[in-house]
Protein backbone atom coordinates (compact mmCIF):
# COMPACT_ATOMS: atom_id res chain seq x y z
CA UNK A 1 0.00 0.00 0.00
CA UNK A 2 1.36 3.39 -0.98
CA UNK A 3 1.36 6.24 1.53
CA UNK A 4 -0.74 9.25 0.57
CA UNK A 5 -3.17 7.28 -1.57
CA UNK A 6 -6.84 7.14 -0.67
CA UNK A 7 -9.28 4.35 -1.40
CA UNK A 8 -12.02 6.92 -1.87
CA UNK A 9 -12.78 7.16 -5.60
CA UNK A 10 -13.76 10.83 -5.25
CA UNK A 11 -10.27 11.75 -4.06
CA UNK A 12 -8.10 11.50 -7.11
CA UNK A 13 -4.67 12.97 -7.72
CA UNK A 14 -6.18 16.07 -9.26
CA UNK A 15 -8.66 16.71 -6.42
CA UNK A 16 -6.30 18.88 -4.41
CA UNK A 17 -4.40 20.41 -7.32
CA UNK A 18 -7.49 21.85 -8.96
CA UNK A 19 -9.02 24.34 -6.59
CA UNK A 20 -12.79 24.41 -6.61
CA UNK A 21 -12.84 27.61 -4.62
CA UNK A 22 -10.42 30.40 -5.31
CA UNK A 23 -9.36 33.31 -3.16
CA UNK A 24 -9.42 36.90 -4.33
CA UNK A 25 -5.96 36.64 -5.90
CA UNK A 26 -6.82 33.34 -7.68
CA UNK A 27 -4.57 31.07 -5.65
CA UNK A 28 -5.81 27.70 -4.44
CA UNK A 29 -6.58 27.39 -0.73
CA UNK A 30 -4.08 25.16 1.03
CA UNK A 31 -4.41 23.11 4.18
CA UNK A 32 -1.85 25.37 5.88
CA UNK A 33 -3.92 28.42 4.96
CA UNK A 34 -7.03 26.81 6.40
CA UNK A 35 -5.22 25.96 9.62
CA UNK A 36 -3.87 29.51 9.88
CA UNK A 37 -7.31 31.04 9.36
CA UNK A 38 -8.83 28.66 11.91
CA UNK A 39 -6.17 29.59 14.47
CA UNK A 40 -6.72 33.29 13.84
CA UNK A 41 -10.45 32.81 14.40
CA UNK A 42 -9.81 30.88 17.61
CA UNK A 43 -7.47 33.59 18.88
CA UNK A 44 -10.05 36.27 18.09
CA UNK A 45 -12.73 34.37 19.98
CA UNK A 46 -10.45 33.92 23.00
CA UNK A 47 -9.42 37.57 22.98
CA UNK A 48 -13.06 38.60 22.71
CA UNK A 49 -13.82 36.46 25.76
CA UNK A 50 -10.97 38.07 27.71
CA UNK A 51 -12.17 41.57 26.81
CA UNK A 52 -15.75 40.73 27.72
CA UNK A 53 -14.68 39.25 31.05
CA UNK A 54 -12.63 42.36 31.87
CA UNK A 55 -15.68 44.53 31.23
CA UNK A 56 -17.82 42.22 33.37
CA UNK A 57 -15.26 42.44 36.18
CA UNK A 58 -15.21 46.24 35.97
CA UNK A 59 -18.99 46.52 36.08
CA UNK A 60 -19.18 43.97 38.91
CA UNK A 61 -16.61 45.99 40.89
CA UNK A 62 -18.72 49.12 40.41
CA UNK A 63 -21.95 47.36 41.38
CA UNK A 64 -20.49 45.69 44.47
CA UNK A 65 -18.94 48.97 45.58
CA UNK A 66 -22.27 50.73 45.26
CA UNK A 67 -24.05 48.00 47.24
CA UNK A 68 -21.43 48.01 49.98
CA UNK A 69 -21.51 51.80 50.30
CA UNK A 70 -17.89 52.30 49.31
CA UNK A 71 -16.28 55.67 50.08
CA UNK A 72 -16.47 58.48 47.54
CA UNK A 73 -12.83 58.11 46.35
CA UNK A 74 -13.54 54.55 45.20
CA UNK A 75 -15.73 55.97 42.42
CA UNK A 76 -12.56 57.25 40.77
CA UNK A 77 -10.89 53.85 41.02
CA UNK A 78 -13.89 52.17 39.42
CA UNK A 79 -14.23 54.79 36.69
CA UNK A 80 -10.52 54.76 35.87
CA UNK A 81 -10.50 50.95 35.74
CA UNK A 82 -13.43 50.97 33.33
CA UNK A 83 -11.82 53.66 31.16
CA UNK A 84 -8.52 51.78 31.03
CA UNK A 85 -10.35 48.63 29.92
CA UNK A 86 -12.28 50.52 27.23
CA UNK A 87 -9.14 52.26 25.93
CA UNK A 88 -7.24 48.95 25.94
CA UNK A 89 -10.10 47.31 24.03
CA UNK A 90 -10.17 50.16 21.50
CA UNK A 91 -6.40 50.00 20.90
CA UNK A 92 -6.46 46.22 20.50
CA UNK A 93 -9.31 46.42 17.99
CA UNK A 94 -7.38 49.03 16.00
CA UNK A 95 -4.25 46.82 16.05
CA UNK A 96 -6.28 43.86 14.86
CA UNK A 97 -7.88 45.83 12.05
CA UNK A 98 -4.47 47.14 11.01
CA UNK A 99 -3.06 43.61 10.87
CA UNK A 100 -6.03 42.34 8.89
CA UNK A 101 -5.80 45.24 6.44
CA UNK A 102 -2.08 44.72 5.89
CA UNK A 103 -2.58 41.05 4.98
CA UNK A 104 -4.52 41.91 1.83
PDB file of N, CA and C in Angstrom:
ATOM      1  N   UNK A   1       0.838  -1.183   0.000  1.00  0.00           N
ATOM      2  CA  UNK A   1       0.000   0.000   0.000  1.00  0.00           C
ATOM      3  C   UNK A   1       0.880   1.242   0.000  1.00  0.00           C
ATOM      4  N   UNK A   2       0.571   2.166  -0.880  1.00  0.00           N
ATOM      5  CA  UNK A   2       1.359   3.390  -0.985  1.00  0.00           C
ATOM      6  C   UNK A   2       0.829   4.443  -0.015  1.00  0.00           C
ATOM      7  N   UNK A   3       1.748   5.176   0.597  1.00  0.00           N
ATOM      8  CA  UNK A   3       1.361   6.238   1.527  1.00  0.00           C
ATOM      9  C   UNK A   3       0.855   7.424   0.719  1.00  0.00           C
ATOM     10  N   UNK A   4      -0.205   8.070   1.224  1.00  0.00           N
ATOM     11  CA  UNK A   4      -0.743   9.248   0.568  1.00  0.00           C
ATOM     12  C   UNK A   4      -1.801   8.914  -0.462  1.00  0.00           C
ATOM     13  N   UNK A   5      -2.148   7.664  -0.603  1.00  0.00           N
ATOM     14  CA  UNK A   5      -3.170   7.279  -1.569  1.00  0.00           C
ATOM     15  C   UNK A   5      -4.440   6.925  -0.803  1.00  0.00           C
ATOM     16  N   UNK A   6      -5.575   7.378  -1.320  1.00  0.00           N
ATOM     17  CA  UNK A   6      -6.845   7.135  -0.672  1.00  0.00           C
ATOM     18  C   UNK A   6      -7.628   6.088  -1.446  1.00  0.00           C
ATOM     19  N   UNK A   7      -8.417   5.314  -0.738  1.00  0.00           N
ATOM     20  CA  UNK A   7      -9.281   4.345  -1.404  1.00  0.00           C
ATOM     21  C   UNK A   7     -10.603   4.979  -1.820  1.00  0.00           C
ATOM     22  N   UNK A   8     -10.804   6.217  -1.478  1.00  0.00           N
ATOM     23  CA  UNK A   8     -12.015   6.923  -1.868  1.00  0.00           C
ATOM     24  C   UNK A   8     -11.921   7.305  -3.336  1.00  0.00           C
ATOM     25  N   UNK A   9     -12.867   6.857  -4.172  1.00  0.00           N
ATOM     26  CA  UNK A   9     -12.780   7.159  -5.598  1.00  0.00           C
ATOM     27  C   UNK A   9     -12.972   8.642  -5.916  1.00  0.00           C
ATOM     28  N   UNK A  10     -13.567   9.402  -4.995  1.00  0.00           N
ATOM     29  CA  UNK A  10     -13.764  10.832  -5.247  1.00  0.00           C
ATOM     30  C   UNK A  10     -12.475  11.620  -5.058  1.00  0.00           C
ATOM     31  N   UNK A  11     -11.534  11.065  -4.320  1.00  0.00           N
ATOM     32  CA  UNK A  11     -10.274  11.753  -4.056  1.00  0.00           C
ATOM     33  C   UNK A  11      -9.208  11.234  -5.019  1.00  0.00           C
ATOM     34  N   UNK A  12      -9.106  11.882  -6.134  1.00  0.00           N
ATOM     35  CA  UNK A  12      -8.095  11.504  -7.112  1.00  0.00           C
ATOM     36  C   UNK A  12      -6.883  12.406  -6.964  1.00  0.00           C
ATOM     37  N   UNK A  13      -5.889  12.167  -7.787  1.00  0.00           N
ATOM     38  CA  UNK A  13      -4.671  12.966  -7.725  1.00  0.00           C
ATOM     39  C   UNK A  13      -4.942  14.435  -8.014  1.00  0.00           C
ATOM     40  N   UNK A  14      -5.906  14.694  -8.872  1.00  0.00           N
ATOM     41  CA  UNK A  14      -6.179  16.074  -9.256  1.00  0.00           C
ATOM     42  C   UNK A  14      -7.156  16.786  -8.318  1.00  0.00           C
ATOM     43  N   UNK A  15      -7.673  16.098  -7.315  1.00  0.00           N
ATOM     44  CA  UNK A  15      -8.655  16.709  -6.416  1.00  0.00           C
ATOM     45  C   UNK A  15      -8.083  17.923  -5.700  1.00  0.00           C
ATOM     46  N   UNK A  16      -6.870  17.796  -5.200  1.00  0.00           N
ATOM     47  CA  UNK A  16      -6.299  18.884  -4.411  1.00  0.00           C
ATOM     48  C   UNK A  16      -5.444  19.836  -5.238  1.00  0.00           C
ATOM     49  N   UNK A  17      -5.170  19.498  -6.476  1.00  0.00           N
ATOM     50  CA  UNK A  17      -4.404  20.409  -7.316  1.00  0.00           C
ATOM     51  C   UNK A  17      -5.309  21.370  -8.064  1.00  0.00           C
ATOM     52  N   UNK A  18      -6.530  20.970  -8.311  1.00  0.00           N
ATOM     53  CA  UNK A  18      -7.487  21.855  -8.957  1.00  0.00           C
ATOM     54  C   UNK A  18      -8.378  22.438  -7.875  1.00  0.00           C
ATOM     55  N   UNK A  19      -8.257  23.699  -7.655  1.00  0.00           N
ATOM     56  CA  UNK A  19      -9.019  24.338  -6.589  1.00  0.00           C
ATOM     57  C   UNK A  19     -10.440  24.607  -7.067  1.00  0.00           C
ATOM     58  N   UNK A  20     -11.402  24.135  -6.278  1.00  0.00           N
ATOM     59  CA  UNK A  20     -12.794  24.409  -6.609  1.00  0.00           C
ATOM     60  C   UNK A  20     -13.156  25.827  -6.190  1.00  0.00           C
ATOM     61  N   UNK A  21     -12.567  26.268  -5.112  1.00  0.00           N
ATOM     62  CA  UNK A  21     -12.837  27.610  -4.618  1.00  0.00           C
ATOM     63  C   UNK A  21     -11.537  28.396  -4.688  1.00  0.00           C
ATOM     64  N   UNK A  22     -11.610  29.575  -5.169  1.00  0.00           N
ATOM     65  CA  UNK A  22     -10.418  30.404  -5.314  1.00  0.00           C
ATOM     66  C   UNK A  22     -10.529  31.618  -4.393  1.00  0.00           C
ATOM     67  N   UNK A  23      -9.387  32.100  -3.951  1.00  0.00           N
ATOM     68  CA  UNK A  23      -9.358  33.315  -3.157  1.00  0.00           C
ATOM     69  C   UNK A  23      -9.375  34.511  -4.097  1.00  0.00           C
ATOM     70  N   UNK A  24      -9.327  35.690  -3.531  1.00  0.00           N
ATOM     71  CA  UNK A  24      -9.422  36.902  -4.334  1.00  0.00           C
ATOM     72  C   UNK A  24      -8.270  37.033  -5.328  1.00  0.00           C
ATOM     73  N   UNK A  25      -7.098  36.525  -4.990  1.00  0.00           N
ATOM     74  CA  UNK A  25      -5.959  36.641  -5.899  1.00  0.00           C
ATOM     75  C   UNK A  25      -5.764  35.375  -6.729  1.00  0.00           C
ATOM     76  N   UNK A  26      -6.785  34.524  -6.818  1.00  0.00           N
ATOM     77  CA  UNK A  26      -6.823  33.342  -7.682  1.00  0.00           C
ATOM     78  C   UNK A  26      -5.797  32.274  -7.342  1.00  0.00           C
ATOM     79  N   UNK A  27      -5.426  32.163  -6.082  1.00  0.00           N
ATOM     80  CA  UNK A  27      -4.565  31.065  -5.655  1.00  0.00           C
ATOM     81  C   UNK A  27      -5.435  30.020  -4.974  1.00  0.00           C
ATOM     82  N   UNK A  28      -5.054  28.773  -5.076  1.00  0.00           N
ATOM     83  CA  UNK A  28      -5.808  27.701  -4.440  1.00  0.00           C
ATOM     84  C   UNK A  28      -5.608  27.754  -2.928  1.00  0.00           C
ATOM     85  N   UNK A  29      -6.652  27.438  -2.190  1.00  0.00           N
ATOM     86  CA  UNK A  29      -6.580  27.390  -0.730  1.00  0.00           C
ATOM     87  C   UNK A  29      -5.816  26.136  -0.325  1.00  0.00           C
ATOM     88  N   UNK A  30      -4.873  26.296   0.570  1.00  0.00           N
ATOM     89  CA  UNK A  30      -4.077  25.162   1.031  1.00  0.00           C
ATOM     90  C   UNK A  30      -4.529  24.742   2.421  1.00  0.00           C
ATOM     91  N   UNK A  31      -4.086  23.583   2.835  1.00  0.00           N
ATOM     92  CA  UNK A  31      -4.412  23.112   4.182  1.00  0.00           C
ATOM     93  C   UNK A  31      -3.762  24.020   5.213  1.00  0.00           C
ATOM     94  N   UNK A  32      -2.540  24.459   4.949  1.00  0.00           N
ATOM     95  CA  UNK A  32      -1.854  25.366   5.878  1.00  0.00           C
ATOM     96  C   UNK A  32      -2.614  26.684   6.010  1.00  0.00           C
ATOM     97  N   UNK A  33      -3.131  27.196   4.912  1.00  0.00           N
ATOM     98  CA  UNK A  33      -3.916  28.423   4.956  1.00  0.00           C
ATOM     99  C   UNK A  33      -5.187  28.252   5.765  1.00  0.00           C
ATOM    100  N   UNK A  34      -5.823  27.093   5.626  1.00  0.00           N
ATOM    101  CA  UNK A  34      -7.025  26.806   6.395  1.00  0.00           C
ATOM    102  C   UNK A  34      -6.714  26.719   7.879  1.00  0.00           C
ATOM    103  N   UNK A  35      -5.620  26.058   8.220  1.00  0.00           N
ATOM    104  CA  UNK A  35      -5.216  25.956   9.623  1.00  0.00           C
ATOM    105  C   UNK A  35      -4.910  27.342  10.183  1.00  0.00           C
ATOM    106  N   UNK A  36      -4.203  28.158   9.416  1.00  0.00           N
ATOM    107  CA  UNK A  36      -3.870  29.510   9.883  1.00  0.00           C
ATOM    108  C   UNK A  36      -5.126  30.332  10.123  1.00  0.00           C
ATOM    109  N   UNK A  37      -6.082  30.273   9.190  1.00  0.00           N
ATOM    110  CA  UNK A  37      -7.311  31.044   9.362  1.00  0.00           C
ATOM    111  C   UNK A  37      -8.118  30.532  10.544  1.00  0.00           C
ATOM    112  N   UNK A  38      -8.116  29.227  10.764  1.00  0.00           N
ATOM    113  CA  UNK A  38      -8.829  28.663  11.908  1.00  0.00           C
ATOM    114  C   UNK A  38      -8.188  29.113  13.214  1.00  0.00           C
ATOM    115  N   UNK A  39      -6.862  29.136  13.259  1.00  0.00           N
ATOM    116  CA  UNK A  39      -6.168  29.587  14.469  1.00  0.00           C
ATOM    117  C   UNK A  39      -6.420  31.070  14.731  1.00  0.00           C
ATOM    118  N   UNK A  40      -6.437  31.857  13.687  1.00  0.00           N
ATOM    119  CA  UNK A  40      -6.717  33.286  13.845  1.00  0.00           C
ATOM    120  C   UNK A  40      -8.117  33.479  14.406  1.00  0.00           C
ATOM    121  N   UNK A  41      -9.084  32.721  13.895  1.00  0.00           N
ATOM    122  CA  UNK A  41     -10.448  32.815  14.397  1.00  0.00           C
ATOM    123  C   UNK A  41     -10.523  32.397  15.863  1.00  0.00           C
ATOM    124  N   UNK A  42      -9.829  31.333  16.223  1.00  0.00           N
ATOM    125  CA  UNK A  42      -9.810  30.879  17.612  1.00  0.00           C
ATOM    126  C   UNK A  42      -9.198  31.933  18.526  1.00  0.00           C
ATOM    127  N   UNK A  43      -8.113  32.538  18.090  1.00  0.00           N
ATOM    128  CA  UNK A  43      -7.468  33.588  18.882  1.00  0.00           C
ATOM    129  C   UNK A  43      -8.405  34.777  19.055  1.00  0.00           C
ATOM    130  N   UNK A  44      -9.107  35.151  17.989  1.00  0.00           N
ATOM    131  CA  UNK A  44     -10.046  36.266  18.086  1.00  0.00           C
ATOM    132  C   UNK A  44     -11.172  35.965  19.062  1.00  0.00           C
ATOM    133  N   UNK A  45     -11.665  34.751  19.056  1.00  0.00           N
ATOM    134  CA  UNK A  45     -12.729  34.374  19.979  1.00  0.00           C
ATOM    135  C   UNK A  45     -12.213  34.417  21.416  1.00  0.00           C
ATOM    136  N   UNK A  46     -11.014  33.898  21.644  1.00  0.00           N
ATOM    137  CA  UNK A  46     -10.447  33.920  22.995  1.00  0.00           C
ATOM    138  C   UNK A  46     -10.183  35.339  23.475  1.00  0.00           C
ATOM    139  N   UNK A  47      -9.652  36.180  22.591  1.00  0.00           N
ATOM    140  CA  UNK A  47      -9.417  37.573  22.979  1.00  0.00           C
ATOM    141  C   UNK A  47     -10.733  38.290  23.258  1.00  0.00           C
ATOM    142  N   UNK A  48     -11.737  38.016  22.466  1.00  0.00           N
ATOM    143  CA  UNK A  48     -13.056  38.602  22.715  1.00  0.00           C
ATOM    144  C   UNK A  48     -13.600  38.189  24.071  1.00  0.00           C
ATOM    145  N   UNK A  49     -13.375  36.934  24.448  1.00  0.00           N
ATOM    146  CA  UNK A  49     -13.823  36.463  25.759  1.00  0.00           C
ATOM    147  C   UNK A  49     -13.066  37.169  26.879  1.00  0.00           C
ATOM    148  N   UNK A  50     -11.761  37.367  26.691  1.00  0.00           N
ATOM    149  CA  UNK A  50     -10.965  38.066  27.710  1.00  0.00           C
ATOM    150  C   UNK A  50     -11.447  39.506  27.862  1.00  0.00           C
ATOM    151  N   UNK A  51     -11.691  40.184  26.742  1.00  0.00           N
ATOM    152  CA  UNK A  51     -12.167  41.569  26.812  1.00  0.00           C
ATOM    153  C   UNK A  51     -13.540  41.642  27.469  1.00  0.00           C
ATOM    154  N   UNK A  52     -14.413  40.725  27.118  1.00  0.00           N
ATOM    155  CA  UNK A  52     -15.749  40.726  27.716  1.00  0.00           C
ATOM    156  C   UNK A  52     -15.671  40.461  29.217  1.00  0.00           C
ATOM    157  N   UNK A  53     -14.810  39.531  29.628  1.00  0.00           N
ATOM    158  CA  UNK A  53     -14.684  39.250  31.053  1.00  0.00           C
ATOM    159  C   UNK A  53     -14.091  40.434  31.815  1.00  0.00           C
ATOM    160  N   UNK A  54     -13.172  41.161  31.203  1.00  0.00           N
ATOM    161  CA  UNK A  54     -12.635  42.356  31.866  1.00  0.00           C
ATOM    162  C   UNK A  54     -13.723  43.399  32.075  1.00  0.00           C
ATOM    163  N   UNK A  55     -14.577  43.581  31.066  1.00  0.00           N
ATOM    164  CA  UNK A  55     -15.680  44.530  31.232  1.00  0.00           C
ATOM    165  C   UNK A  55     -16.654  44.055  32.306  1.00  0.00           C
ATOM    166  N   UNK A  56     -16.934  42.762  32.344  1.00  0.00           N
ATOM    167  CA  UNK A  56     -17.823  42.221  33.373  1.00  0.00           C
ATOM    168  C   UNK A  56     -17.216  42.447  34.760  1.00  0.00           C
ATOM    169  N   UNK A  57     -15.920  42.213  34.894  1.00  0.00           N
ATOM    170  CA  UNK A  57     -15.265  42.440  36.183  1.00  0.00           C
ATOM    171  C   UNK A  57     -15.332  43.910  36.600  1.00  0.00           C
ATOM    172  N   UNK A  58     -15.133  44.806  35.643  1.00  0.00           N
ATOM    173  CA  UNK A  58     -15.208  46.236  35.974  1.00  0.00           C
ATOM    174  C   UNK A  58     -16.609  46.622  36.430  1.00  0.00           C
ATOM    175  N   UNK A  59     -17.626  46.172  35.698  1.00  0.00           N
ATOM    176  CA  UNK A  59     -18.993  46.521  36.083  1.00  0.00           C
ATOM    177  C   UNK A  59     -19.396  45.850  37.396  1.00  0.00           C
ATOM    178  N   UNK A  60     -18.903  44.645  37.646  1.00  0.00           N
ATOM    179  CA  UNK A  60     -19.181  43.968  38.911  1.00  0.00           C
ATOM    180  C   UNK A  60     -18.527  44.722  40.067  1.00  0.00           C
ATOM    181  N   UNK A  61     -17.298  45.210  39.855  1.00  0.00           N
ATOM    182  CA  UNK A  61     -16.613  45.994  40.887  1.00  0.00           C
ATOM    183  C   UNK A  61     -17.410  47.254  41.223  1.00  0.00           C
ATOM    184  N   UNK A  62     -17.928  47.904  40.195  1.00  0.00           N
ATOM    185  CA  UNK A  62     -18.724  49.124  40.406  1.00  0.00           C
ATOM    186  C   UNK A  62     -20.017  48.797  41.158  1.00  0.00           C
ATOM    187  N   UNK A  63     -20.687  47.732  40.746  1.00  0.00           N
ATOM    188  CA  UNK A  63     -21.949  47.361  41.380  1.00  0.00           C
ATOM    189  C   UNK A  63     -21.759  46.946  42.836  1.00  0.00           C
ATOM    190  N   UNK A  64     -20.741  46.130  43.094  1.00  0.00           N
ATOM    191  CA  UNK A  64     -20.486  45.691  44.468  1.00  0.00           C
ATOM    192  C   UNK A  64     -20.070  46.860  45.365  1.00  0.00           C
ATOM    193  N   UNK A  65     -19.314  47.790  44.799  1.00  0.00           N
ATOM    194  CA  UNK A  65     -18.941  48.971  45.580  1.00  0.00           C
ATOM    195  C   UNK A  65     -20.135  49.832  45.924  1.00  0.00           C
ATOM    196  N   UNK A  66     -21.069  49.951  44.996  1.00  0.00           N
ATOM    197  CA  UNK A  66     -22.274  50.731  45.262  1.00  0.00           C
ATOM    198  C   UNK A  66     -23.146  50.051  46.324  1.00  0.00           C
ATOM    199  N   UNK A  67     -23.249  48.733  46.254  1.00  0.00           N
ATOM    200  CA  UNK A  67     -24.054  48.001  47.237  1.00  0.00           C
ATOM    201  C   UNK A  67     -23.439  48.077  48.634  1.00  0.00           C
ATOM    202  N   UNK A  68     -22.111  48.020  48.683  1.00  0.00           N
ATOM    203  CA  UNK A  68     -21.429  48.013  49.980  1.00  0.00           C
ATOM    204  C   UNK A  68     -21.286  49.406  50.564  1.00  0.00           C
ATOM    205  N   UNK A  69     -21.654  50.429  49.802  1.00  0.00           N
ATOM    206  CA  UNK A  69     -21.511  51.799  50.300  1.00  0.00           C
ATOM    207  C   UNK A  69     -20.065  52.219  50.387  1.00  0.00           C
ATOM    208  N   UNK A  70     -19.317  51.965  49.355  1.00  0.00           N
ATOM    209  CA  UNK A  70     -17.885  52.298  49.311  1.00  0.00           C
ATOM    210  C   UNK A  70     -17.695  53.805  49.429  1.00  0.00           C
ATOM    211  N   UNK A  71     -16.537  54.232  49.951  1.00  0.00           N
ATOM    212  CA  UNK A  71     -16.276  55.667  50.079  1.00  0.00           C
ATOM    213  C   UNK A  71     -16.246  56.364  48.706  1.00  0.00           C
ATOM    214  N   UNK A  72     -16.361  57.678  48.753  1.00  0.00           N
ATOM    215  CA  UNK A  72     -16.467  58.484  47.537  1.00  0.00           C
ATOM    216  C   UNK A  72     -15.239  58.330  46.639  1.00  0.00           C
ATOM    217  N   UNK A  73     -14.036  58.201  47.186  1.00  0.00           N
ATOM    218  CA  UNK A  73     -12.832  58.113  46.352  1.00  0.00           C
ATOM    219  C   UNK A  73     -12.783  56.820  45.537  1.00  0.00           C
ATOM    220  N   UNK A  74     -13.529  55.804  45.944  1.00  0.00           N
ATOM    221  CA  UNK A  74     -13.541  54.550  45.196  1.00  0.00           C
ATOM    222  C   UNK A  74     -14.245  54.689  43.857  1.00  0.00           C
ATOM    223  N   UNK A  75     -15.085  55.716  43.712  1.00  0.00           N
ATOM    224  CA  UNK A  75     -15.729  55.970  42.415  1.00  0.00           C
ATOM    225  C   UNK A  75     -14.674  56.227  41.345  1.00  0.00           C
ATOM    226  N   UNK A  76     -13.621  56.942  41.729  1.00  0.00           N
ATOM    227  CA  UNK A  76     -12.557  57.246  40.772  1.00  0.00           C
ATOM    228  C   UNK A  76     -11.782  55.989  40.378  1.00  0.00           C
ATOM    229  N   UNK A  77     -11.561  55.111  41.349  1.00  0.00           N
ATOM    230  CA  UNK A  77     -10.890  53.845  41.019  1.00  0.00           C
ATOM    231  C   UNK A  77     -11.720  53.027  40.033  1.00  0.00           C
ATOM    232  N   UNK A  78     -13.011  52.953  40.290  1.00  0.00           N
ATOM    233  CA  UNK A  78     -13.890  52.174  39.422  1.00  0.00           C
ATOM    234  C   UNK A  78     -13.979  52.791  38.030  1.00  0.00           C
ATOM    235  N   UNK A  79     -14.116  54.114  37.986  1.00  0.00           N
ATOM    236  CA  UNK A  79     -14.228  54.795  36.692  1.00  0.00           C
ATOM    237  C   UNK A  79     -12.927  54.697  35.901  1.00  0.00           C
ATOM    238  N   UNK A  80     -11.791  54.852  36.580  1.00  0.00           N
ATOM    239  CA  UNK A  80     -10.517  54.762  35.867  1.00  0.00           C
ATOM    240  C   UNK A  80     -10.259  53.334  35.383  1.00  0.00           C
ATOM    241  N   UNK A  81     -10.640  52.337  36.178  1.00  0.00           N
ATOM    242  CA  UNK A  81     -10.500  50.949  35.739  1.00  0.00           C
ATOM    243  C   UNK A  81     -11.337  50.653  34.510  1.00  0.00           C
ATOM    244  N   UNK A  82     -12.554  51.159  34.491  1.00  0.00           N
ATOM    245  CA  UNK A  82     -13.426  50.973  33.332  1.00  0.00           C
ATOM    246  C   UNK A  82     -12.875  51.695  32.111  1.00  0.00           C
ATOM    247  N   UNK A  83     -12.380  52.904  32.300  1.00  0.00           N
ATOM    248  CA  UNK A  83     -11.817  53.660  31.162  1.00  0.00           C
ATOM    249  C   UNK A  83     -10.563  52.990  30.615  1.00  0.00           C
ATOM    250  N   UNK A  84      -9.713  52.477  31.490  1.00  0.00           N
ATOM    251  CA  UNK A  84      -8.519  51.777  31.028  1.00  0.00           C
ATOM    252  C   UNK A  84      -8.901  50.548  30.216  1.00  0.00           C
ATOM    253  N   UNK A  85      -9.898  49.804  30.670  1.00  0.00           N
ATOM    254  CA  UNK A  85     -10.353  48.627  29.923  1.00  0.00           C
ATOM    255  C   UNK A  85     -10.900  49.029  28.562  1.00  0.00           C
ATOM    256  N   UNK A  86     -11.697  50.080  28.506  1.00  0.00           N
ATOM    257  CA  UNK A  86     -12.278  50.518  27.230  1.00  0.00           C
ATOM    258  C   UNK A  86     -11.202  51.024  26.266  1.00  0.00           C
ATOM    259  N   UNK A  87     -10.224  51.766  26.789  1.00  0.00           N
ATOM    260  CA  UNK A  87      -9.143  52.261  25.934  1.00  0.00           C
ATOM    261  C   UNK A  87      -8.290  51.096  25.435  1.00  0.00           C
ATOM    262  N   UNK A  88      -8.003  50.138  26.324  1.00  0.00           N
ATOM    263  CA  UNK A  88      -7.235  48.949  25.939  1.00  0.00           C
ATOM    264  C   UNK A  88      -7.979  48.171  24.857  1.00  0.00           C
ATOM    265  N   UNK A  89      -9.283  48.004  25.020  1.00  0.00           N
ATOM    266  CA  UNK A  89     -10.095  47.311  24.029  1.00  0.00           C
ATOM    267  C   UNK A  89     -10.066  48.041  22.690  1.00  0.00           C
ATOM    268  N   UNK A  90     -10.187  49.356  22.721  1.00  0.00           N
ATOM    269  CA  UNK A  90     -10.166  50.162  21.501  1.00  0.00           C
ATOM    270  C   UNK A  90      -8.826  50.023  20.771  1.00  0.00           C
ATOM    271  N   UNK A  91      -7.730  50.117  21.511  1.00  0.00           N
ATOM    272  CA  UNK A  91      -6.396  50.003  20.898  1.00  0.00           C
ATOM    273  C   UNK A  91      -6.188  48.615  20.311  1.00  0.00           C
ATOM    274  N   UNK A  92      -6.613  47.577  21.014  1.00  0.00           N
ATOM    275  CA  UNK A  92      -6.457  46.217  20.504  1.00  0.00           C
ATOM    276  C   UNK A  92      -7.289  45.983  19.249  1.00  0.00           C
ATOM    277  N   UNK A  93      -8.482  46.540  19.194  1.00  0.00           N
ATOM    278  CA  UNK A  93      -9.309  46.415  17.987  1.00  0.00           C
ATOM    279  C   UNK A  93      -8.643  47.127  16.822  1.00  0.00           C
ATOM    280  N   UNK A  94      -8.087  48.315  17.069  1.00  0.00           N
ATOM    281  CA  UNK A  94      -7.377  49.033  16.003  1.00  0.00           C
ATOM    282  C   UNK A  94      -6.153  48.250  15.527  1.00  0.00           C
ATOM    283  N   UNK A  95      -5.409  47.647  16.450  1.00  0.00           N
ATOM    284  CA  UNK A  95      -4.252  46.819  16.055  1.00  0.00           C
ATOM    285  C   UNK A  95      -4.686  45.639  15.209  1.00  0.00           C
ATOM    286  N   UNK A  96      -5.773  45.001  15.611  1.00  0.00           N
ATOM    287  CA  UNK A  96      -6.278  43.856  14.863  1.00  0.00           C
ATOM    288  C   UNK A  96      -6.714  44.264  13.464  1.00  0.00           C
ATOM    289  N   UNK A  97      -7.439  45.358  13.361  1.00  0.00           N
ATOM    290  CA  UNK A  97      -7.881  45.831  12.051  1.00  0.00           C
ATOM    291  C   UNK A  97      -6.702  46.219  11.168  1.00  0.00           C
ATOM    292  N   UNK A  98      -5.673  46.791  11.766  1.00  0.00           N
ATOM    293  CA  UNK A  98      -4.470  47.138  11.006  1.00  0.00           C
ATOM    294  C   UNK A  98      -3.783  45.886  10.477  1.00  0.00           C
ATOM    295  N   UNK A  99      -3.680  44.860  11.306  1.00  0.00           N
ATOM    296  CA  UNK A  99      -3.060  43.615  10.868  1.00  0.00           C
ATOM    297  C   UNK A  99      -3.876  42.950   9.766  1.00  0.00           C
ATOM    298  N   UNK A 100      -5.184  42.951   9.920  1.00  0.00           N
ATOM    299  CA  UNK A 100      -6.032  42.341   8.893  1.00  0.00           C
ATOM    300  C   UNK A 100      -5.958  43.111   7.581  1.00  0.00           C
ATOM    301  N   UNK A 101      -5.886  44.426   7.658  1.00  0.00           N
ATOM    302  CA  UNK A 101      -5.804  45.244   6.438  1.00  0.00           C
ATOM    303  C   UNK A 101      -4.452  45.082   5.741  1.00  0.00           C
ATOM    304  N   UNK A 102      -3.404  44.866   6.508  1.00  0.00           N
ATOM    305  CA  UNK A 102      -2.078  44.723   5.894  1.00  0.00           C
ATOM    306  C   UNK A 102      -1.870  43.359   5.243  1.00  0.00           C
ATOM    307  N   UNK A 103      -2.704  42.382   5.569  1.00  0.00           N
ATOM    308  CA  UNK A 103      -2.577  41.053   4.982  1.00  0.00           C
ATOM    309  C   UNK A 103      -3.098  41.008   3.556  1.00  0.00           C
ATOM    310  N   UNK A 104      -3.894  41.952   3.161  1.00  0.00           N
ATOM    311  CA  UNK A 104      -4.516  41.911   1.826  1.00  0.00           C
ATOM    312  C   UNK A 104      -3.676  42.566   0.789  1.00  0.00           C
TER     313      UNK A 104
END
